[in-house]
Amino acid sequence: MIPTYSDYISRFVRPSDLCGRPTPGEHHFVSAYLVPKLFSLNGVVPDYINPDGTKGILGDVVYYHNHKHHFGIEAKLGVVRLTKREFNEWIVNDDSSHWPNLFIGVGHAGIALSTWGRFREAYVASVRSKNADWLAVELADGYGPMKNVDQLIPFFDGSTWFPWQQDVKASNFYEQAFLESLHRHLAANHPLISDPINLG
């Protein structure tokens, strides 16, 4: 298993370590890092993993309860690139029942973890920082404004942004903080997840 998100970023995201290879997509991050970590936190197998093209599935990692959507995590690696459907449903639409629950964004500088509502605010603020008159309106085609995950850093706070670390001790410290935050989100929202477990 990949020990920390910093190790993942060092190996697969930062250009100096790729030797000219393209950066893997978010499916790689979800399968190689996120799902093993989630299982170690909660012992629950997700009902969906990266269900691209499957209508009505809200996220890349999705848990169901009583045959209905209960908790979804949307992951973005390097760039936030929202399809027309994602942008219209998850940014323009104000009905939060149509959104994933959590956003996880992996950049060169670290990893973001926030509620979808908090991510939505950061995304809109980031776009407006370059174009003050921009409004989130429904798209007829194409994609929403693309943003590098690192461009969202100024719009997140210390509880939602975890920096990449080269030092092993610092990397382990921030990994622990990230996993504790992830577990809090899971435990607060999923009926199959109980008290926090020992992460050490």
Protein backbone atom coordinates (compact mmCIF):
# COMPACT_ATOMS: atom_id res chain seq x y z
CA MET A 1 0.00 0.00 0.00
CA ILE A 2 1.16 3.57 -0.66
CA PRO A 3 1.96 4.87 2.83
CA THR A 4 0.99 8.54 2.51
CA TYR A 5 -0.62 10.96 0.09
CA SER A 6 2.75 12.74 -0.06
CA ASP A 7 4.32 9.49 -1.29
CA TYR A 8 1.59 9.26 -3.93
CA ILE A 9 2.21 12.85 -5.06
CA SER A 10 5.98 12.32 -5.14
CA ARG A 11 5.68 9.18 -7.22
CA PHE A 12 2.83 9.96 -9.60
CA VAL A 13 2.05 13.71 -9.68
CA ARG A 14 5.17 15.85 -9.39
CA PRO A 15 6.84 16.28 -12.81
CA SER A 16 10.39 15.76 -11.53
CA ASP A 17 9.49 12.19 -10.61
CA LEU A 18 7.62 11.17 -13.77
CA CYS A 19 10.61 10.87 -16.13
CA GLY A 20 8.55 12.22 -19.02
CA ARG A 21 5.58 9.91 -18.45
CA PRO A 22 2.07 11.40 -18.34
CA THR A 23 0.44 11.87 -14.94
CA PRO A 24 -2.01 9.04 -14.17
CA GLY A 25 -5.70 9.91 -14.01
CA GLU A 26 -7.88 10.18 -10.95
CA HIS A 27 -8.99 6.54 -11.37
CA HIS A 28 -5.42 5.56 -10.53
CA PHE A 29 -5.43 7.71 -7.37
CA VAL A 30 -8.77 6.29 -6.29
CA SER A 31 -7.77 2.65 -6.79
CA ALA A 32 -4.11 2.84 -5.72
CA TYR A 33 -4.44 5.14 -2.70
CA LEU A 34 -7.95 6.22 -1.71
CA VAL A 35 -9.97 2.98 -1.65
CA PRO A 36 -7.34 1.06 0.37
CA LYS A 37 -7.22 3.93 2.89
CA LEU A 38 -11.02 4.11 3.09
CA PHE A 39 -11.24 0.37 3.70
CA SER A 40 -8.63 0.58 6.44
CA LEU A 41 -10.68 3.35 8.08
CA ASN A 42 -14.14 1.85 7.88
CA GLY A 43 -13.94 -1.77 6.69
CA VAL A 44 -16.82 -1.09 4.27
CA VAL A 45 -16.54 -1.96 0.57
CA PRO A 46 -17.88 0.94 -1.54
CA ASP A 47 -20.90 0.17 -3.73
CA TYR A 48 -19.38 2.04 -6.69
CA ILE A 49 -15.79 2.92 -7.60
CA ASN A 50 -15.22 5.31 -10.53
CA PRO A 51 -18.66 4.79 -12.10
CA ASP A 52 -18.05 7.09 -15.10
CA GLY A 53 -21.02 7.20 -17.41
CA THR A 54 -23.37 5.61 -14.88
CA LYS A 55 -26.24 8.06 -14.48
CA GLY A 56 -27.30 9.09 -11.00
CA ILE A 57 -24.10 7.94 -9.27
CA LEU A 58 -22.75 10.92 -7.33
CA GLY A 59 -18.99 10.55 -7.09
CA ASP A 60 -16.00 8.35 -7.78
CA VAL A 61 -16.36 6.37 -4.55
CA VAL A 62 -19.96 5.87 -3.50
CA TYR A 63 -21.63 4.14 -0.55
CA TYR A 64 -25.31 3.19 -0.65
CA HIS A 65 -27.64 2.49 2.29
CA ASN A 66 -31.13 1.00 2.03
CA HIS A 67 -30.71 0.87 -1.76
CA LYS A 68 -30.18 4.64 -2.02
CA HIS A 69 -27.21 6.96 -2.38
CA HIS A 70 -25.81 7.73 1.02
CA PHE A 71 -22.28 9.08 0.65
CA GLY A 72 -20.18 9.97 -2.39
CA ILE A 73 -16.61 11.18 -2.80
CA GLU A 74 -15.53 12.95 -6.00
CA ALA A 75 -11.77 12.94 -6.63
CA LYS A 76 -9.80 15.15 -8.98
CA LEU A 77 -6.13 14.63 -9.80
CA GLY A 78 -4.13 17.66 -10.93
CA VAL A 79 -6.99 19.45 -12.68
CA VAL A 80 -10.62 20.07 -11.84
CA ARG A 81 -12.37 19.41 -15.16
CA LEU A 82 -16.14 19.21 -14.80
CA THR A 83 -18.21 17.79 -17.64
CA LYS A 84 -21.36 19.59 -18.73
CA ARG A 85 -23.49 17.28 -16.58
CA GLU A 86 -21.21 17.61 -13.54
CA PHE A 87 -20.99 21.39 -13.87
CA ASN A 88 -24.74 21.86 -14.32
CA GLU A 89 -25.70 19.50 -11.49
CA TRP A 90 -22.86 20.08 -9.04
CA ILE A 91 -22.02 23.77 -9.50
CA VAL A 92 -25.04 25.53 -11.03
CA ASN A 93 -27.78 23.52 -9.29
CA ASP A 94 -28.33 24.69 -5.70
CA ASP A 95 -29.98 21.44 -4.59
CA SER A 96 -27.28 19.71 -2.54
CA SER A 97 -29.05 16.35 -2.86
CA HIS A 98 -27.65 16.31 -6.42
CA TRP A 99 -24.03 16.81 -5.27
CA PRO A 100 -21.35 14.39 -4.09
CA ASN A 101 -20.71 14.70 -0.35
CA LEU A 102 -16.93 15.17 -0.40
CA PHE A 103 -14.32 16.64 -2.70
CA ILE A 104 -10.76 15.32 -2.69
CA GLY A 105 -8.33 17.15 -4.94
CA VAL A 106 -4.71 16.12 -5.44
CA GLY A 107 -2.21 18.71 -6.65
CA HIS A 108 1.55 19.15 -6.78
CA ALA A 109 1.47 21.07 -3.50
CA GLY A 110 -0.78 18.76 -1.48
CA ILE A 111 -4.28 17.38 -1.11
CA ALA A 112 -7.62 19.05 -0.43
CA LEU A 113 -10.46 17.45 1.50
CA SER A 114 -13.72 19.33 1.91
CA THR A 115 -17.45 19.03 1.74
CA TRP A 116 -18.76 19.49 -1.78
CA GLY A 117 -20.44 22.73 -0.72
CA ARG A 118 -17.12 24.12 0.55
CA PHE A 119 -15.34 23.01 -2.64
CA ARG A 120 -18.08 24.64 -4.73
CA GLU A 121 -17.47 27.96 -2.95
CA ALA A 122 -13.71 27.69 -3.49
CA TYR A 123 -14.12 26.76 -7.16
CA VAL A 124 -16.47 29.68 -7.90
CA ALA A 125 -14.26 32.11 -5.95
CA SER A 126 -11.20 30.90 -7.87
CA VAL A 127 -12.88 31.45 -11.23
CA ARG A 128 -14.15 34.88 -10.15
CA SER A 129 -10.67 35.89 -8.97
CA LYS A 130 -9.71 35.98 -12.67
CA ASN A 131 -13.08 37.15 -14.00
CA ALA A 132 -15.13 39.10 -11.46
CA ASP A 133 -18.24 39.11 -13.67
CA TRP A 134 -18.34 35.33 -14.17
CA LEU A 135 -21.59 33.61 -13.28
CA ALA A 136 -22.19 29.88 -12.97
CA VAL A 137 -24.87 29.28 -15.59
CA GLU A 138 -25.94 26.04 -17.25
CA LEU A 139 -23.76 24.78 -20.09
CA ALA A 140 -25.22 23.52 -23.35
CA ASP A 141 -22.00 21.62 -24.10
CA GLY A 142 -18.33 21.43 -23.24
CA TYR A 143 -16.81 21.74 -19.79
CA GLY A 144 -16.88 24.15 -16.89
CA PRO A 145 -13.83 26.40 -16.31
CA MET A 146 -10.78 24.22 -15.72
CA LYS A 147 -8.74 24.83 -12.57
CA ASN A 148 -5.55 23.24 -11.34
CA VAL A 149 -6.14 21.86 -7.86
CA ASP A 150 -3.24 23.99 -6.60
CA GLN A 151 -5.07 27.15 -7.78
CA LEU A 152 -7.73 26.43 -5.17
CA ILE A 153 -5.26 26.58 -2.23
CA PRO A 154 -5.89 30.29 -1.44
CA PHE A 155 -9.61 29.54 -1.18
CA PHE A 156 -9.24 26.68 1.32
CA ASP A 157 -8.24 26.90 4.97
CA GLY A 158 -5.97 24.79 7.15
CA SER A 159 -8.73 22.30 7.91
CA THR A 160 -9.29 21.50 4.22
CA TRP A 161 -5.77 21.69 2.76
CA PHE A 162 -2.96 19.26 3.63
CA PRO A 163 0.48 20.12 2.17
CA TRP A 164 2.80 17.76 0.33
CA GLN A 165 5.84 16.93 2.46
CA GLN A 166 9.22 15.47 1.53
CA ASP A 167 10.32 14.87 5.11
CA VAL A 168 9.11 11.46 6.34
CA LYS A 169 8.12 12.67 9.79
CA ALA A 170 6.15 15.63 8.41
CA SER A 171 4.61 13.41 5.73
CA ASN A 172 3.37 10.96 8.37
CA PHE A 173 2.04 13.80 10.54
CA TYR A 174 -0.05 15.30 7.73
CA GLU A 175 -1.16 11.86 6.55
CA GLN A 176 -2.54 11.22 10.03
CA ALA A 177 -4.32 14.60 10.01
CA PHE A 178 -5.79 13.89 6.55
CA LEU A 179 -7.04 10.42 7.54
CA GLU A 180 -8.53 11.70 10.79
CA SER A 181 -10.42 14.38 8.84
CA LEU A 182 -11.57 11.82 6.27
CA HIS A 183 -12.78 9.49 9.02
CA ARG A 184 -14.69 12.30 10.73
CA HIS A 185 -16.55 13.02 7.48
CA LEU A 186 -17.32 9.32 7.01
CA ALA A 187 -18.40 8.71 10.60
CA ALA A 188 -20.67 11.76 10.61
CA ASN A 189 -22.48 10.68 7.46
CA HIS A 190 -22.45 6.92 7.03
CA PRO A 191 -24.55 4.61 9.24
CA LEU A 192 -22.17 1.67 8.90
CA ILE A 193 -19.22 3.59 10.33
CA SER A 194 -19.02 3.93 14.10
CA ASP A 195 -16.53 5.51 16.47
CA PRO A 196 -13.12 6.64 15.22
CA ILE A 197 -10.65 3.78 14.99
CA ASN A 198 -6.98 3.73 15.89
CA LEU A 199 -5.14 5.15 12.89
CA GLY A 200 -1.68 4.71 14.34
